[in-house]
Amino acid sequence: MNAVDVLPRVRTESLVIHRRDDRTIPLEAGRRLAAELPLARFAELDGNVHLPWIDGDAIADMVHSFLAGKEATASLPATGCRLDEAGRALVLDGRHEPTTRLEFGVMRTLLRASGRVVDP
């Protein structure tokens, strides 16, 4: 099955999630798919497994953010830094820096706390 010829006609927002070192399908294939979809957002996950239920929480977070129309959970305007919730990445001066699940969770918690003390 090949749908390459119809991809440019898709008129809905799409989210393509791909693991950086996927052992089944190369990362470049996911990037090409997102590039061919006019309204696609591409998100990378760490790892090398293809099965979507592995690290399902991260995928669920990305999908939830995407469906809610969120790109970033919060930003620090004076620093040029923000969190990309859909991509689970730290954005520094426009560059997406991947984070681990723990790193992202800590940053998101601290940003949402808005200066309040956070219990561990």
C-alpha atoms as a PDB file:
ATOM      1  CA  MET A   1       0.000   0.000   0.000  1.00  0.00           C
ATOM      2  CA  ASN A   2       1.379   3.371  -0.993  1.00  0.00           C
ATOM      3  CA  ALA A   3      -0.430   6.647  -0.328  1.00  0.00           C
ATOM      4  CA  VAL A   4       2.357   9.066  -1.283  1.00  0.00           C
ATOM      5  CA  ASP A   5       0.350  10.554  -4.147  1.00  0.00           C
ATOM      6  CA  VAL A   6      -2.580  11.554  -1.876  1.00  0.00           C
ATOM      7  CA  LEU A   7      -0.570  12.969   1.041  1.00  0.00           C
ATOM      8  CA  PRO A   8      -0.451  16.543  -0.351  1.00  0.00           C
ATOM      9  CA  ARG A   9      -4.270  16.544  -0.495  1.00  0.00           C
ATOM     10  CA  VAL A  10      -4.727  15.799   3.217  1.00  0.00           C
ATOM     11  CA  ARG A  11      -6.297  18.927   4.716  1.00  0.00           C
ATOM     12  CA  THR A  12      -6.283  18.137   8.410  1.00  0.00           C
ATOM     13  CA  GLU A  13      -3.627  18.718  11.009  1.00  0.00           C
ATOM     14  CA  SER A  14      -1.518  15.621  11.555  1.00  0.00           C
ATOM     15  CA  LEU A  15       0.967  14.467  14.145  1.00  0.00           C
ATOM     16  CA  VAL A  16       3.745  12.113  13.079  1.00  0.00           C
ATOM     17  CA  ILE A  17       5.574  10.560  16.039  1.00  0.00           C
ATOM     18  CA  HIS A  18       8.749   8.609  15.371  1.00  0.00           C
ATOM     19  CA  ARG A  19      11.503   7.172  17.550  1.00  0.00           C
ATOM     20  CA  ARG A  20      14.975   8.437  16.766  1.00  0.00           C
ATOM     21  CA  ASP A  21      16.538   4.976  16.398  1.00  0.00           C
ATOM     22  CA  ASP A  22      13.464   2.943  15.366  1.00  0.00           C
ATOM     23  CA  ARG A  23      14.690  -0.524  14.356  1.00  0.00           C
ATOM     24  CA  THR A  24      11.763  -1.142  12.000  1.00  0.00           C
ATOM     25  CA  ILE A  25      11.313   2.109  10.075  1.00  0.00           C
ATOM     26  CA  PRO A  26      14.130   4.661   9.632  1.00  0.00           C
ATOM     27  CA  LEU A  27      13.696   8.119  11.155  1.00  0.00           C
ATOM     28  CA  GLU A  28      14.039   9.694   7.721  1.00  0.00           C
ATOM     29  CA  ALA A  29      10.861   7.889   6.591  1.00  0.00           C
ATOM     30  CA  GLY A  30       8.908   9.556   9.389  1.00  0.00           C
ATOM     31  CA  ARG A  31      10.377  12.933   8.492  1.00  0.00           C
ATOM     32  CA  ARG A  32       9.460  12.426   4.817  1.00  0.00           C
ATOM     33  CA  LEU A  33       5.899  11.500   5.772  1.00  0.00           C
ATOM     34  CA  ALA A  34       5.529  14.656   7.869  1.00  0.00           C
ATOM     35  CA  ALA A  35       7.064  16.766   5.094  1.00  0.00           C
ATOM     36  CA  GLU A  36       4.530  15.454   2.557  1.00  0.00           C
ATOM     37  CA  LEU A  37       1.528  16.201   4.797  1.00  0.00           C
ATOM     38  CA  PRO A  38       0.708  19.916   4.423  1.00  0.00           C
ATOM     39  CA  LEU A  39      -0.362  20.488   8.052  1.00  0.00           C
ATOM     40  CA  ALA A  40       1.818  17.940   9.845  1.00  0.00           C
ATOM     41  CA  ARG A  41       3.815  18.334  13.006  1.00  0.00           C
ATOM     42  CA  PHE A  42       6.770  15.966  13.462  1.00  0.00           C
ATOM     43  CA  ALA A  43       7.805  14.756  16.915  1.00  0.00           C
ATOM     44  CA  GLU A  44      10.745  12.541  17.800  1.00  0.00           C
ATOM     45  CA  LEU A  45      10.961  10.207  20.755  1.00  0.00           C
ATOM     46  CA  ASP A  46      14.086   8.666  22.202  1.00  0.00           C
ATOM     47  CA  GLY A  47      14.501   4.932  21.796  1.00  0.00           C
ATOM     48  CA  ASN A  48      14.790   2.235  19.185  1.00  0.00           C
ATOM     49  CA  VAL A  49      11.566   0.243  19.485  1.00  0.00           C
ATOM     50  CA  HIS A  50       8.770   0.525  16.964  1.00  0.00           C
ATOM     51  CA  LEU A  51       5.870  -0.479  19.187  1.00  0.00           C
ATOM     52  CA  PRO A  52       3.809   2.581  20.191  1.00  0.00           C
ATOM     53  CA  TRP A  53       2.753   1.212  23.578  1.00  0.00           C
ATOM     54  CA  ILE A  54       6.368   1.179  24.784  1.00  0.00           C
ATOM     55  CA  ASP A  55       6.756   4.479  26.670  1.00  0.00           C
ATOM     56  CA  GLY A  56       3.043   4.949  26.116  1.00  0.00           C
ATOM     57  CA  ASP A  57       2.829   7.834  28.582  1.00  0.00           C
ATOM     58  CA  ALA A  58       5.098  10.011  26.453  1.00  0.00           C
ATOM     59  CA  ILE A  59       3.097   9.223  23.334  1.00  0.00           C
ATOM     60  CA  ALA A  60      -0.174   9.871  25.158  1.00  0.00           C
ATOM     61  CA  ASP A  61       1.183  13.239  26.383  1.00  0.00           C
ATOM     62  CA  MET A  62       2.160  14.215  22.839  1.00  0.00           C
ATOM     63  CA  VAL A  63      -1.193  13.181  21.383  1.00  0.00           C
ATOM     64  CA  HIS A  64      -3.115  14.921  24.168  1.00  0.00           C
ATOM     65  CA  SER A  65      -1.172  18.149  23.633  1.00  0.00           C
ATOM     66  CA  PHE A  66      -1.640  17.930  19.889  1.00  0.00           C
ATOM     67  CA  LEU A  67      -5.401  17.342  20.174  1.00  0.00           C
ATOM     68  CA  ALA A  68      -5.687  20.170  22.705  1.00  0.00           C
ATOM     69  CA  GLY A  69      -3.959  22.483  20.231  1.00  0.00           C
ATOM     70  CA  LYS A  70      -0.981  23.112  22.467  1.00  0.00           C
ATOM     71  CA  GLU A  71       2.538  23.473  21.208  1.00  0.00           C
ATOM     72  CA  ALA A  72       4.184  24.778  24.327  1.00  0.00           C
ATOM     73  CA  THR A  73       3.233  24.425  27.944  1.00  0.00           C
ATOM     74  CA  ALA A  74       5.066  27.504  29.088  1.00  0.00           C
ATOM     75  CA  SER A  75       7.856  29.826  28.206  1.00  0.00           C
ATOM     76  CA  LEU A  76      10.418  32.034  29.836  1.00  0.00           C
ATOM     77  CA  PRO A  77      10.352  35.134  27.592  1.00  0.00           C
ATOM     78  CA  ALA A  78      13.489  36.741  28.975  1.00  0.00           C
ATOM     79  CA  THR A  79      15.533  33.635  28.216  1.00  0.00           C
ATOM     80  CA  GLY A  80      14.301  32.666  24.731  1.00  0.00           C
ATOM     81  CA  CYS A  81      13.432  29.279  26.203  1.00  0.00           C
ATOM     82  CA  ARG A  82      10.159  27.317  26.102  1.00  0.00           C
ATOM     83  CA  LEU A  83       8.872  23.761  26.348  1.00  0.00           C
ATOM     84  CA  ASP A  84       7.381  22.104  23.286  1.00  0.00           C
ATOM     85  CA  GLU A  85       4.816  19.770  24.843  1.00  0.00           C
ATOM     86  CA  ALA A  86       3.959  17.933  21.636  1.00  0.00           C
ATOM     87  CA  GLY A  87       7.609  17.266  20.862  1.00  0.00           C
ATOM     88  CA  ARG A  88       8.604  16.852  24.504  1.00  0.00           C
ATOM     89  CA  ALA A  89      11.595  19.078  23.879  1.00  0.00           C
ATOM     90  CA  LEU A  90      13.216  22.185  25.267  1.00  0.00           C
ATOM     91  CA  VAL A  91      13.309  24.958  22.664  1.00  0.00           C
ATOM     92  CA  LEU A  92      16.344  27.209  23.052  1.00  0.00           C
ATOM     93  CA  ASP A  93      16.591  30.130  20.641  1.00  0.00           C
ATOM     94  CA  GLY A  94      14.496  28.198  18.104  1.00  0.00           C
ATOM     95  CA  ARG A  95      16.481  24.936  18.383  1.00  0.00           C
ATOM     96  CA  HIS A  96      14.612  21.864  19.640  1.00  0.00           C
ATOM     97  CA  GLU A  97      16.748  20.083  22.215  1.00  0.00           C
ATOM     98  CA  PRO A  98      15.424  16.604  23.045  1.00  0.00           C
ATOM     99  CA  THR A  99      14.860  15.784  26.701  1.00  0.00           C
ATOM    100  CA  THR A 100      14.378  12.592  28.626  1.00  0.00           C
ATOM    101  CA  ARG A 101      10.955  11.905  30.077  1.00  0.00           C
ATOM    102  CA  LEU A 102      12.226  12.797  33.553  1.00  0.00           C
ATOM    103  CA  GLU A 103      13.891  16.047  32.435  1.00  0.00           C
ATOM    104  CA  PHE A 104      10.788  17.175  30.588  1.00  0.00           C
ATOM    105  CA  GLY A 105       8.526  16.290  33.509  1.00  0.00           C
ATOM    106  CA  VAL A 106      10.653  18.249  35.968  1.00  0.00           C
ATOM    107  CA  MET A 107      10.815  21.307  33.697  1.00  0.00           C
ATOM    108  CA  ARG A 108       7.059  21.208  33.018  1.00  0.00           C
ATOM    109  CA  THR A 109       6.284  20.907  36.745  1.00  0.00           C
ATOM    110  CA  LEU A 110       8.547  23.824  37.623  1.00  0.00           C
ATOM    111  CA  LEU A 111       7.166  26.057  34.877  1.00  0.00           C
ATOM    112  CA  ARG A 112       3.573  25.292  35.833  1.00  0.00           C
ATOM    113  CA  ALA A 113       4.376  26.059  39.464  1.00  0.00           C
ATOM    114  CA  SER A 114       5.109  29.690  38.482  1.00  0.00           C
ATOM    115  CA  GLY A 115       7.515  30.304  41.329  1.00  0.00           C
ATOM    116  CA  ARG A 116       5.651  28.312  43.961  1.00  0.00           C
ATOM    117  CA  VAL A 117       7.533  25.728  46.000  1.00  0.00           C
ATOM    118  CA  VAL A 118       7.117  22.235  44.551  1.00  0.00           C
ATOM    119  CA  ASP A 119       7.178  19.162  46.796  1.00  0.00           C
ATOM    120  CA  PRO A 120       9.189  16.216  45.413  1.00  0.00           C
END
